């Protein structure tokens, strides 16, 4: 018997299902619509803020540091754009297994980088490696690591390397001046960074510049008084001399005799500011401005100047230097030879300690001290160089006869090579001491007169005899030019007195003597070969540097002066 289902049984179940499904879709549609309304109207500000917090950033726009050039516009320090690799620690650690890919590319230790990221997981920005090449930066971004990106920065480069390193100094990794002129003029050279609002993707890469908030202001260029050609010559000759005499260190300074501009300043040992592994204070110390020495006999021209200014002495005034030694306050002052009866000019020519002592002790107590003080010893030159030492000079004239004597031949005071060179500019500038400057054409101020024009001229002519065949600086002579100079050889001070086997060799000179253009001081510290006198060790460096300086500046020859050339006499009134 066949059974049949009623018609209503066939249609009731499908209708119910349809109604259920339609109802479910209606509820879902209503829920989605309600949520959309909530997102668009109620939570819009909150969600936009969260999105911006994750993708909208304010990025700094680095400012270009000003360039440093020499007096002719040749670059000495420039900043070039580079990239630095940075990461969001939280995002990068999310792909911790890929960290070795990054560290291998950058030459870093993977475990150290991972530990650093873990310790800064709560940060959003950490540097992985600063200042990478553009090619390396491109390879880093090609890895497409989450949270890793590049930041544009600037790195300082020094085209002259170690030749001018001590003068220029260097900047830190953030391009801020740390030593030398980079530090002294950091405010001038530094720019003000700009800012812009950008959108970043999930990998931390900038995909859109939204708004420029502030334009970057580049730093200003700085023109120095240095001559890059002369700087190279001074550095080369000084380096050769320090090596030749196995000296501990050395320094050389060249000034414009007319206005005190620093044309060259070299130091040994050298350092290359482009190589950060050499940034050790023992290497980058600028000894020409930061190391003090007893200047020895290079002070004698100022003792002679004090004697001439007193009106009691002339260049031809006789002085008894016999028998080659004398007792002063229980101490012995002696010469290498017994020069007997000589005149003031010969005292300087032979560098007689006995003769200069007799001259100094015949003057008023403070005469020599006042001249040395007026010449700038014991005080900063005002060059503006960071770390410049002021040297040492007693605040009052010495009272004992022996202290007066030692001051007259350069002991009992301390000075930097720059101070010695500065003082000598007064002798080459008609008795006027100009201010020292590392800038070309800046506001240098007025010079200060420390002696009469006549006195300066007489001392200069006497110093020419020092560079004669019968003087102590025969090796400083330059063919075709009149050279005025003075040697200095001082013993090094040690505990309990002075060492008998450690010396500082000095030479200070002026060329051409007929119309002074350059002042050059060379200091060789502790030459450890057979020669150690200033005339043997330092004077040849002066000759090589100045002979090329005269050629570079097309200074015409002024002929050779005769050792027996008469010294003119005149009244000593100040002009």
Protein backbone atom coordinates (compact mmCIF):
# COMPACT_ATOMS: atom_id res chain seq x y z
CA UNK A 1 0.00 0.00 0.00
CA UNK A 2 1.52 3.30 -0.99
CA UNK A 3 1.71 6.05 1.67
CA UNK A 4 1.53 9.70 0.67
CA UNK A 5 2.74 12.84 2.61
CA UNK A 6 0.38 15.78 2.74
CA UNK A 7 1.20 18.79 0.54
CA UNK A 8 1.57 21.15 3.52
CA UNK A 9 4.36 18.88 4.87
CA UNK A 10 6.38 19.40 1.72
CA UNK A 11 6.30 23.20 1.92
CA UNK A 12 6.28 24.07 5.65
CA UNK A 13 9.98 23.25 6.38
CA UNK A 14 11.50 25.25 3.49
CA UNK A 15 9.45 28.32 4.36
CA UNK A 16 10.69 28.29 7.93
CA UNK A 17 14.25 27.98 6.87
CA UNK A 18 13.93 30.80 4.45
CA UNK A 19 12.45 33.04 7.11
CA UNK A 20 15.26 32.17 9.50
CA UNK A 21 17.96 32.88 6.97
CA UNK A 22 16.37 36.12 5.93
CA UNK A 23 16.05 37.17 9.54
CA UNK A 24 19.67 36.33 10.23
CA UNK A 25 20.81 38.39 7.26
CA UNK A 26 18.60 41.27 8.41
CA UNK A 27 20.12 41.19 11.89
CA UNK A 28 23.63 41.00 10.44
CA UNK A 29 22.96 43.88 8.10
CA UNK A 30 21.55 45.95 10.93
CA UNK A 31 24.56 45.14 13.11
CA UNK A 32 27.02 46.08 10.39
CA UNK A 33 25.14 49.28 9.66
CA UNK A 34 25.01 50.16 13.35
CA UNK A 35 28.75 49.45 13.72
CA UNK A 36 29.53 51.52 10.65
CA UNK A 37 27.53 54.40 12.08
CA UNK A 38 29.35 54.01 15.41
CA UNK A 39 32.75 53.97 13.71
CA UNK A 40 31.96 56.91 11.46
CA UNK A 41 30.25 59.08 14.02
CA UNK A 42 30.99 57.96 17.57
CA UNK A 43 34.51 56.52 17.43
CA UNK A 44 35.83 58.43 14.45
CA UNK A 45 38.17 60.76 16.37
CA UNK A 46 39.56 57.96 18.49
CA UNK A 47 40.24 55.64 15.58
CA UNK A 48 41.78 58.38 13.46
CA UNK A 49 44.06 59.22 16.35
CA UNK A 50 45.09 55.57 16.69
CA UNK A 51 45.78 55.31 12.98
CA UNK A 52 47.84 58.46 12.98
CA UNK A 53 49.72 57.29 16.03
CA UNK A 54 50.77 54.20 14.10
CA UNK A 55 51.47 55.72 10.71
CA UNK A 56 51.67 59.53 10.97
CA UNK A 57 54.98 60.87 12.27
CA UNK A 58 56.88 64.13 12.54
CA UNK A 59 60.35 63.61 11.07
CA UNK A 60 63.30 65.94 11.57
CA UNK A 61 64.93 67.32 8.44
CA UNK A 62 68.68 67.51 9.11
CA UNK A 63 70.41 70.83 8.47
CA UNK A 64 73.59 70.97 6.43
CA UNK A 65 76.63 72.03 8.51
CA UNK A 66 78.57 74.94 7.08
CA UNK A 67 81.73 74.28 5.09
CA UNK A 68 85.17 75.33 6.34
CA UNK A 69 87.52 76.67 3.68
CA UNK A 70 91.02 78.07 3.60
CA UNK A 71 91.76 81.69 2.72
CA UNK A 72 91.43 80.93 -1.00
CA UNK A 73 88.15 79.02 -0.76
CA UNK A 74 89.68 75.53 -0.84
CA UNK A 75 87.56 73.10 1.23
CA UNK A 76 88.97 71.94 4.54
CA UNK A 77 85.79 70.45 6.08
CA UNK A 78 82.57 69.48 4.31
CA UNK A 79 79.41 67.60 5.29
CA UNK A 80 78.00 64.95 2.96
CA UNK A 81 74.58 63.25 3.23
CA UNK A 82 74.58 59.67 4.52
CA UNK A 83 71.97 57.20 5.80
CA UNK A 84 71.64 55.67 9.25
CA UNK A 85 69.77 52.41 9.89
CA UNK A 86 67.16 52.48 12.66
CA UNK A 87 64.37 50.23 13.86
CA UNK A 88 61.26 49.98 16.00
CA UNK A 89 62.38 47.26 18.47
CA UNK A 90 58.88 45.84 18.98
CA UNK A 91 58.23 45.42 15.29
CA UNK A 92 61.66 44.05 14.44
CA UNK A 93 61.58 41.54 17.31
CA UNK A 94 58.33 40.28 15.84
CA UNK A 95 60.56 38.87 13.10
CA UNK A 96 63.47 38.03 15.41
CA UNK A 97 64.53 35.15 13.22
CA UNK A 98 65.50 37.56 10.48
CA UNK A 99 67.71 39.78 12.66
CA UNK A 100 70.87 37.88 11.57
CA UNK A 101 70.15 38.90 7.96
CA UNK A 102 70.41 42.54 9.01
CA UNK A 103 73.43 42.18 11.27
CA UNK A 104 75.37 40.18 8.69
CA UNK A 105 74.79 42.89 6.12
CA UNK A 106 75.89 45.62 8.55
CA UNK A 107 78.81 43.67 10.01
CA UNK A 108 77.34 43.57 13.52
CA UNK A 109 77.01 40.87 16.16
CA UNK A 110 73.50 39.40 16.00
CA UNK A 111 73.27 38.50 19.69
CA UNK A 112 74.33 41.96 20.81
CA UNK A 113 71.83 43.62 18.49
CA UNK A 114 69.05 41.31 19.68
CA UNK A 115 69.91 42.03 23.33
CA UNK A 116 69.90 45.76 22.62
CA UNK A 117 66.49 45.50 20.99
CA UNK A 118 65.11 43.51 23.92
CA UNK A 119 66.36 46.09 26.41
CA UNK A 120 64.60 48.85 24.47
CA UNK A 121 61.44 47.04 23.48
CA UNK A 122 59.35 49.86 24.98
CA UNK A 123 60.95 52.40 22.60
CA UNK A 124 59.83 53.17 19.08
CA UNK A 125 63.21 54.28 17.71
CA UNK A 126 66.73 52.91 18.13
CA UNK A 127 69.74 53.21 15.88
CA UNK A 128 71.12 49.97 14.52
CA UNK A 129 74.08 51.52 12.69
CA UNK A 130 74.94 55.13 11.94
CA UNK A 131 76.38 56.53 8.71
CA UNK A 132 76.23 53.70 6.18
CA UNK A 133 76.93 54.04 2.49
CA UNK A 134 73.98 54.57 0.11
CA UNK A 135 74.57 51.12 -1.40
CA UNK A 136 74.39 49.50 2.03
CA UNK A 137 71.24 51.45 2.82
CA UNK A 138 69.60 50.19 -0.37
CA UNK A 139 70.47 46.59 0.52
CA UNK A 140 69.03 47.04 4.01
CA UNK A 141 65.72 48.30 2.65
CA UNK A 142 65.63 45.45 0.11
CA UNK A 143 65.38 43.01 3.03
CA UNK A 144 61.92 44.45 3.81
CA UNK A 145 62.31 43.83 7.53
CA UNK A 146 59.41 45.07 9.68
CA UNK A 147 60.21 48.23 11.66
CA UNK A 148 63.55 48.84 9.89
CA UNK A 149 64.10 52.08 8.01
CA UNK A 150 66.72 54.70 7.08
CA UNK A 151 67.26 58.20 8.41
CA UNK A 152 69.06 60.84 6.34
CA UNK A 153 71.97 62.47 8.24
CA UNK A 154 75.26 64.23 7.46
CA UNK A 155 78.80 63.10 8.00
CA UNK A 156 81.82 65.41 8.21
CA UNK A 157 84.74 64.84 5.86
CA UNK A 158 88.18 66.48 5.95
CA UNK A 159 89.89 66.56 2.53
CA UNK A 160 93.31 67.41 4.00
CA UNK A 161 93.21 64.54 6.49
CA UNK A 162 95.95 64.69 9.09
CA UNK A 163 97.59 67.77 7.56
CA UNK A 164 95.17 70.19 9.23
CA UNK A 165 93.52 67.85 11.71
CA UNK A 166 94.81 69.55 14.86
CA UNK A 167 93.56 72.96 13.77
CA UNK A 168 90.17 71.93 12.41
CA UNK A 169 89.37 69.40 15.13
CA UNK A 170 86.39 67.15 14.45
CA UNK A 171 82.67 66.67 15.02
CA UNK A 172 80.85 63.87 16.82
CA UNK A 173 78.54 61.43 15.08
CA UNK A 174 75.71 63.97 15.35
CA UNK A 175 77.84 66.55 13.48
CA UNK A 176 78.48 68.73 16.54
CA UNK A 177 81.95 70.26 16.95
CA UNK A 178 84.07 68.56 19.60
CA UNK A 179 87.60 69.92 19.18
CA UNK A 180 89.54 72.63 17.40
CA UNK A 181 87.85 75.23 15.25
CA UNK A 182 84.88 72.89 14.73
CA UNK A 183 84.13 73.37 18.42
CA UNK A 184 85.14 77.02 18.67
CA UNK A 185 82.76 78.01 15.85
CA UNK A 186 80.13 75.32 16.32
CA UNK A 187 77.35 77.89 16.74
CA UNK A 188 78.30 79.52 13.45
CA UNK A 189 78.66 76.29 11.49
CA UNK A 190 75.62 74.48 12.88
CA UNK A 191 72.27 74.85 11.19
CA UNK A 192 68.75 74.51 12.62
CA UNK A 193 66.97 71.28 11.63
CA UNK A 194 63.58 71.44 9.95
CA UNK A 195 60.50 69.25 10.50
CA UNK A 196 57.86 67.57 8.35
CA UNK A 197 54.83 65.36 8.95
CA UNK A 198 54.95 62.05 7.07
CA UNK A 199 52.97 58.81 6.69
CA UNK A 200 54.78 55.52 7.24
CA UNK A 201 53.77 52.04 6.15
CA UNK A 202 53.80 48.97 8.38
CA UNK A 203 57.51 48.46 7.64
CA UNK A 204 58.33 51.92 8.92
CA UNK A 205 59.12 53.37 5.50
CA UNK A 206 57.99 56.89 4.62
CA UNK A 207 55.38 56.61 1.88
CA UNK A 208 54.03 60.15 1.85
CA UNK A 209 55.10 63.65 2.92
CA UNK A 210 51.99 65.20 4.44
CA UNK A 211 53.12 68.63 5.56
CA UNK A 212 56.28 70.73 5.82
CA UNK A 213 56.30 72.15 9.33
CA UNK A 214 59.63 73.99 9.33
CA UNK A 215 62.29 74.57 6.70
CA UNK A 216 65.82 73.53 7.72
CA UNK A 217 68.32 76.38 8.08
CA UNK A 218 71.78 75.36 6.87
CA UNK A 219 74.87 76.41 8.80
CA UNK A 220 77.07 79.22 7.59
CA UNK A 221 80.41 78.68 5.85
CA UNK A 222 83.61 79.66 7.64
CA UNK A 223 86.62 81.11 5.82
CA UNK A 224 89.88 80.62 7.70
CA UNK A 225 93.12 82.51 7.39
CA UNK A 226 94.94 79.21 6.78
CA UNK A 227 96.61 78.65 3.44
CA UNK A 228 96.15 74.98 2.57
CA UNK A 229 99.35 74.94 0.49
CA UNK A 230 101.46 76.42 3.28
CA UNK A 231 99.77 74.16 5.82
CA UNK A 232 100.85 71.13 3.84
CA UNK A 233 104.42 72.38 3.55
CA UNK A 234 104.69 73.11 7.28
CA UNK A 235 103.23 69.72 8.16
CA UNK A 236 105.52 67.85 5.79
CA UNK A 237 108.72 69.55 6.96
CA UNK A 238 107.82 69.26 10.64
CA UNK A 239 106.97 65.58 10.31
CA UNK A 240 110.27 64.90 8.58
CA UNK A 241 112.24 66.77 11.26
CA UNK A 242 110.53 64.99 14.17
CA UNK A 243 111.28 61.64 12.54
CA UNK A 244 114.85 62.64 11.61
CA UNK A 245 115.72 63.64 15.18
CA UNK A 246 113.58 60.95 16.85
CA UNK A 247 111.78 63.67 18.80
CA UNK A 248 108.81 63.17 21.11
CA UNK A 249 106.67 65.76 19.34
CA UNK A 250 106.81 69.09 17.55
CA UNK A 251 104.86 72.11 16.43
CA UNK A 252 105.17 74.85 13.83
CA UNK A 253 103.26 78.13 13.52
CA UNK A 254 103.27 80.61 10.64
CA UNK A 255 101.65 84.04 11.13
CA UNK A 256 101.18 87.01 8.87
CA UNK A 257 103.53 89.55 10.41
CA UNK A 258 101.26 92.45 9.48
CA UNK A 259 97.92 91.38 10.92
CA UNK A 260 98.42 88.27 13.05
CA UNK A 261 96.49 85.90 10.77
CA UNK A 262 97.40 82.24 11.27
CA UNK A 263 98.61 81.01 7.87
CA UNK A 264 99.70 77.55 9.00
CA UNK A 265 99.79 75.53 12.21
CA UNK A 266 101.19 72.01 12.19
CA UNK A 267 101.69 69.41 14.91
CA UNK A 268 103.36 66.07 15.33
CA UNK A 269 102.39 63.32 15.97
CA UNK A 270 99.45 63.71 13.60
CA UNK A 271 95.96 62.28 13.51
CA UNK A 272 93.38 61.87 10.78
CA UNK A 273 89.95 63.25 11.79
CA UNK A 274 88.33 61.07 9.10
CA UNK A 275 89.37 57.97 11.06
CA UNK A 276 87.46 57.84 14.33
CA UNK A 277 89.74 55.12 15.66
CA UNK A 278 92.44 57.81 15.97
CA UNK A 279 90.35 60.13 18.15
CA UNK A 280 92.57 59.88 21.21
CA UNK A 281 93.36 63.02 23.21
CA UNK A 282 97.07 62.19 23.11
CA UNK A 283 96.92 62.37 19.32
CA UNK A 284 94.52 65.22 18.58
CA UNK A 285 95.96 67.63 21.17
CA UNK A 286 97.02 70.83 19.37
CA UNK A 287 100.41 71.33 20.97
CA UNK A 288 100.96 74.68 19.27
CA UNK A 289 98.30 76.23 21.50
CA UNK A 290 97.92 73.74 24.36
CA UNK A 291 101.49 72.79 25.38
CA UNK A 292 103.69 75.24 27.25
CA UNK A 293 107.47 75.29 27.27
CA UNK A 294 110.15 77.56 28.67
CA UNK A 295 111.05 79.58 25.56
CA UNK A 296 114.71 79.94 26.42
CA UNK A 297 116.81 82.30 24.34
CA UNK A 298 113.91 83.25 22.05
CA UNK A 299 113.08 85.74 24.84
CA UNK A 300 116.41 87.57 24.45
CA UNK A 301 115.22 89.94 21.68
CA UNK A 302 112.65 91.31 24.13
CA UNK A 303 115.28 91.77 26.82
CA UNK A 304 117.34 93.71 24.28
CA UNK A 305 114.24 95.71 23.33
CA UNK A 306 113.71 96.63 27.00
CA UNK A 307 117.33 97.75 27.19
CA UNK A 308 117.01 99.93 24.08
CA UNK A 309 113.73 101.40 25.32
CA UNK A 310 115.40 102.38 28.60
CA UNK A 311 117.65 104.77 26.69
CA UNK A 312 120.73 103.38 28.43
CA UNK A 313 121.79 101.04 25.63
CA UNK A 314 122.37 101.18 21.91
CA UNK A 315 123.18 98.25 19.59
CA UNK A 316 126.86 99.21 19.78
CA UNK A 317 127.02 99.68 23.56
CA UNK A 318 129.88 97.53 24.94
CA UNK A 319 129.06 94.62 27.26
CA UNK A 320 131.56 92.49 29.17
CA UNK A 321 130.72 88.80 28.68
CA UNK A 322 134.04 87.55 30.11
CA UNK A 323 135.23 85.22 31.42
CA UNK A 324 132.28 83.22 30.06
CA UNK A 325 130.54 82.73 33.40
CA UNK A 326 129.32 84.73 36.38
CA UNK A 327 127.78 84.11 39.79
CA UNK A 328 124.30 85.53 40.40
CA UNK A 329 122.63 84.97 43.76
CA UNK A 330 124.73 81.90 44.47
CA UNK A 331 124.02 80.38 41.06
CA UNK A 332 126.24 80.15 37.99
CA UNK A 333 125.29 81.69 34.66
CA UNK A 334 127.59 80.58 31.85
CA UNK A 335 128.14 80.65 28.11
CA UNK A 336 129.40 77.98 25.73
CA UNK A 337 132.45 80.18 25.05
CA UNK A 338 134.17 83.16 26.63
CA UNK A 339 133.11 86.02 24.35
CA UNK A 340 134.97 88.68 26.33
CA UNK A 341 134.18 92.31 25.52
CA UNK A 342 131.37 92.50 22.94
CA UNK A 343 128.55 94.87 22.10
CA UNK A 344 124.78 94.51 22.54
CA UNK A 345 124.28 93.29 18.97
CA UNK A 346 126.89 90.57 19.44
CA UNK A 347 125.26 89.48 22.70
CA UNK A 348 122.18 88.61 20.64
CA UNK A 349 124.18 87.19 17.74
CA UNK A 350 126.13 84.80 20.00
CA UNK A 351 123.19 84.28 22.37
CA UNK A 352 125.40 85.10 25.34
CA UNK A 353 123.73 84.32 28.67
CA UNK A 354 126.41 86.24 30.55
CA UNK A 355 126.03 89.28 28.32
CA UNK A 356 122.23 89.31 28.49
CA UNK A 357 122.37 88.89 32.29
CA UNK A 358 124.68 91.90 32.68
CA UNK A 359 122.29 93.95 30.52
CA UNK A 360 119.19 92.84 32.46
CA UNK A 361 120.71 93.44 35.88
CA UNK A 362 121.76 96.95 34.89
CA UNK A 363 118.14 97.89 34.11
CA UNK A 364 115.38 98.80 36.54
CA UNK A 365 113.86 95.79 38.28
CA UNK A 366 110.67 95.67 36.24
CA UNK A 367 111.94 96.76 32.80
CA UNK A 368 112.39 93.29 31.28
CA UNK A 369 109.26 91.91 32.96
CA UNK A 370 107.13 94.75 31.61
CA UNK A 371 108.38 94.19 28.06
CA UNK A 372 107.77 90.44 28.24
CA UNK A 373 104.33 91.05 29.73
CA UNK A 374 103.47 93.60 27.03
CA UNK A 375 104.51 91.06 24.37
CA UNK A 376 101.68 88.81 25.52
CA UNK A 377 103.48 86.18 27.57
CA UNK A 378 101.46 84.77 30.45
CA UNK A 379 98.13 85.55 28.78
CA UNK A 380 95.97 84.08 26.05
CA UNK A 381 96.49 85.40 22.55
CA UNK A 382 92.72 85.80 22.19
CA UNK A 383 92.66 83.60 19.10
CA UNK A 384 89.44 81.94 20.21
CA UNK A 385 90.90 78.44 19.87
CA UNK A 386 89.32 76.09 22.42
CA UNK A 387 91.80 74.87 25.02
CA UNK A 388 94.44 77.52 24.41
CA UNK A 389 96.84 77.80 27.32
CA UNK A 390 97.76 81.21 28.69
CA UNK A 391 101.25 80.15 29.70
CA UNK A 392 102.86 81.44 32.86
CA UNK A 393 104.50 84.71 33.85
CA UNK A 394 104.83 86.04 37.39
CA UNK A 395 102.16 88.62 38.19
CA UNK A 396 104.80 91.02 39.50
CA UNK A 397 108.40 91.70 38.46
CA UNK A 398 110.89 89.23 39.99
CA UNK A 399 112.76 90.53 43.03
CA UNK A 400 115.85 88.33 43.25
CA UNK A 401 118.78 89.02 40.96
CA UNK A 402 118.85 85.39 39.79
CA UNK A 403 115.15 85.44 38.82
CA UNK A 404 115.73 88.65 36.90
CA UNK A 405 118.64 86.98 35.11
CA UNK A 406 116.78 83.78 34.22
CA UNK A 407 113.80 85.76 32.94
CA UNK A 408 116.17 87.67 30.65
CA UNK A 409 117.26 84.45 28.89
CA UNK A 410 113.89 82.69 28.89
CA UNK A 411 113.58 80.61 32.04
CA UNK A 412 111.04 81.04 34.84
CA UNK A 413 108.17 81.60 32.39
CA UNK A 414 106.17 79.31 30.13
CA UNK A 415 104.63 79.94 26.72
CA UNK A 416 103.02 78.11 23.83
CA UNK A 417 104.59 78.17 20.34
CA UNK A 418 101.66 80.37 19.26
CA UNK A 419 102.47 82.89 22.00
CA UNK A 420 106.10 83.05 20.91
CA UNK A 421 105.06 83.62 17.30
CA UNK A 422 102.56 86.27 18.39
CA UNK A 423 105.20 88.16 20.34
CA UNK A 424 107.54 88.13 17.33
CA UNK A 425 104.91 89.78 15.15
CA UNK A 426 105.53 92.97 17.16
CA UNK A 427 109.18 92.91 16.07
CA UNK A 428 108.14 92.50 12.44
CA UNK A 429 105.28 95.00 12.65
CA UNK A 430 107.14 98.11 13.74
CA UNK A 431 106.58 97.53 17.46
CA UNK A 432 102.80 97.00 17.23
CA UNK A 433 101.42 93.68 18.50
CA UNK A 434 98.45 92.66 16.31
CA UNK A 435 95.74 90.33 17.61
CA UNK A 436 95.91 86.69 16.56
CA UNK A 437 93.08 85.30 14.43
CA UNK A 438 92.24 82.10 12.57
CA UNK A 439 89.75 83.96 10.36
CA UNK A 440 90.44 85.80 7.15
CA UNK A 441 89.13 89.34 6.93
CA UNK A 442 87.30 89.24 10.27
CA UNK A 443 87.07 92.03 12.81
CA UNK A 444 90.48 91.62 14.39
CA UNK A 445 90.58 94.85 16.35
CA UNK A 446 93.45 97.27 16.71
CA UNK A 447 97.02 96.30 17.41
CA UNK A 448 98.78 97.35 20.59
CA UNK A 449 102.11 99.19 20.56
CA UNK A 450 104.66 97.60 22.89
CA UNK A 451 107.85 99.30 21.70
CA UNK A 452 108.90 102.11 19.42
CA UNK A 453 109.31 101.63 15.70
CA UNK A 454 113.01 102.42 16.07
CA UNK A 455 113.53 99.80 18.75
CA UNK A 456 111.73 97.15 16.71
CA UNK A 457 113.85 98.00 13.67
CA UNK A 458 117.11 97.87 15.61
CA UNK A 459 116.25 94.52 17.20
CA UNK A 460 115.26 93.14 13.81
CA UNK A 461 118.60 94.14 12.30
CA UNK A 462 120.45 92.57 15.22
CA UNK A 463 118.47 89.38 14.71
CA UNK A 464 119.73 89.27 11.11
CA UNK A 465 123.21 88.74 12.50
CA UNK A 466 121.93 85.65 14.34
CA UNK A 467 121.27 84.07 10.91
CA UNK A 468 124.77 84.82 9.64
CA UNK A 469 127.79 82.56 9.38
CA UNK A 470 128.95 83.83 12.76
CA UNK A 471 125.56 83.52 14.48
CA UNK A 472 123.76 80.59 16.08
CA UNK A 473 121.25 80.06 13.23
CA UNK A 474 123.34 79.74 10.07
CA UNK A 475 121.02 76.91 8.95
CA UNK A 476 118.03 79.26 8.86
CA UNK A 477 119.48 81.38 6.05
CA UNK A 478 117.49 81.59 2.80
CA UNK A 479 119.38 82.45 -0.37
CA UNK A 480 118.46 85.88 -1.71
CA UNK A 481 116.52 86.98 1.38
CA UNK A 482 117.35 88.79 4.56
CA UNK A 483 116.29 86.62 7.51
CA UNK A 484 115.94 87.77 11.13
CA UNK A 485 115.59 85.16 13.84
CA UNK A 486 116.59 83.76 17.19
CA UNK A 487 117.42 80.28 18.38
CA UNK A 488 116.37 78.79 21.68
CA UNK A 489 117.52 75.62 23.42
CA UNK A 490 115.99 75.09 26.84
CA UNK A 491 116.43 72.21 29.23
CA UNK A 492 113.28 70.33 30.27
CA UNK A 493 112.13 70.92 33.81
CA UNK A 494 111.99 67.76 35.96
CA UNK A 495 111.42 67.08 39.64
CA UNK A 496 114.14 68.86 41.58
CA UNK A 497 115.50 70.96 38.73
CA UNK A 498 116.36 70.52 35.05
CA UNK A 499 117.31 67.42 33.09
CA UNK A 500 120.77 67.33 31.52
CA UNK A 501 119.70 65.17 28.58
CA UNK A 502 116.23 66.45 27.63
CA UNK A 503 115.84 69.63 25.58
CA UNK A 504 113.36 71.72 23.67
CA UNK A 505 114.79 73.10 20.41
CA UNK A 506 113.24 76.35 19.16
CA UNK A 507 113.66 78.78 16.34
CA UNK A 508 111.64 81.95 15.81
CA UNK A 509 112.20 83.95 12.63
CA UNK A 510 110.89 86.76 10.45
CA UNK A 511 111.17 87.12 6.65
CA UNK A 512 111.96 89.13 4.68
CA UNK A 513 113.70 91.31 7.24
CA UNK A 514 113.56 94.44 5.05
CA UNK A 515 109.75 94.31 4.88
CA UNK A 516 108.46 91.56 7.21
CA UNK A 517 105.75 89.35 5.77
CA UNK A 518 105.93 86.09 7.73
CA UNK A 519 106.68 85.05 11.29
CA UNK A 520 107.46 81.38 11.81
CA UNK A 521 108.17 79.49 15.03
CA UNK A 522 109.33 75.87 15.07
CA UNK A 523 109.45 73.77 18.24
CA UNK A 524 110.99 70.28 18.40
CA UNK A 525 110.43 68.63 21.77
CA UNK A 526 113.11 66.29 23.09
CA UNK A 527 115.21 65.47 20.03
CA UNK A 528 116.94 62.20 20.91
CA UNK A 529 119.74 62.06 18.38
CA UNK A 530 123.12 63.82 18.60
CA UNK A 531 121.84 67.29 17.63
CA UNK A 532 119.57 69.14 20.01
CA UNK A 533 120.31 72.87 19.64
CA UNK A 534 117.61 75.07 18.15
CA UNK A 535 119.97 76.20 15.39
CA UNK A 536 120.65 72.59 14.40
CA UNK A 537 117.18 71.04 14.77
CA UNK A 538 114.50 73.73 14.40
CA UNK A 539 116.19 76.31 12.14
CA UNK A 540 116.33 74.03 9.05
CA UNK A 541 112.56 73.48 9.28
CA UNK A 542 112.08 77.25 9.32
CA UNK A 543 114.29 77.59 6.24
CA UNK A 544 112.38 75.00 4.22
CA UNK A 545 108.94 76.29 5.15
CA UNK A 546 109.73 79.97 4.66
CA UNK A 547 111.64 79.55 1.41
CA UNK A 548 108.54 77.97 -0.12
CA UNK A 549 106.21 80.51 1.48
CA UNK A 550 108.18 83.35 -0.10
CA UNK A 551 107.90 81.63 -3.46
CA UNK A 552 104.16 80.91 -3.12
CA UNK A 553 103.41 84.53 -2.26
CA UNK A 554 105.77 85.93 -4.90
CA UNK A 555 107.75 87.95 -2.36
CA UNK A 556 110.71 89.49 -4.20
CA UNK A 557 114.24 88.85 -2.88
CA UNK A 558 115.67 91.63 -0.73
CA UNK A 559 119.31 90.48 -0.87
CA UNK A 560 121.55 89.24 1.90
CA UNK A 561 122.49 91.40 4.83
CA UNK A 562 126.14 91.57 5.82
CA UNK A 563 127.01 90.34 9.32
CA UNK A 564 128.99 93.52 9.79
CA UNK A 565 126.26 95.83 8.49
CA UNK A 566 126.23 99.02 10.57
CA UNK A 567 123.33 99.53 12.96
CA UNK A 568 121.97 103.03 12.60
CA UNK A 569 121.62 105.17 15.71
CA UNK A 570 118.70 107.47 16.34
CA UNK A 571 116.62 108.95 19.07
CA UNK A 572 114.25 106.46 20.67
CA UNK A 573 111.17 108.58 21.02
CA UNK A 574 107.94 106.71 20.34
CA UNK A 575 106.30 107.79 17.07
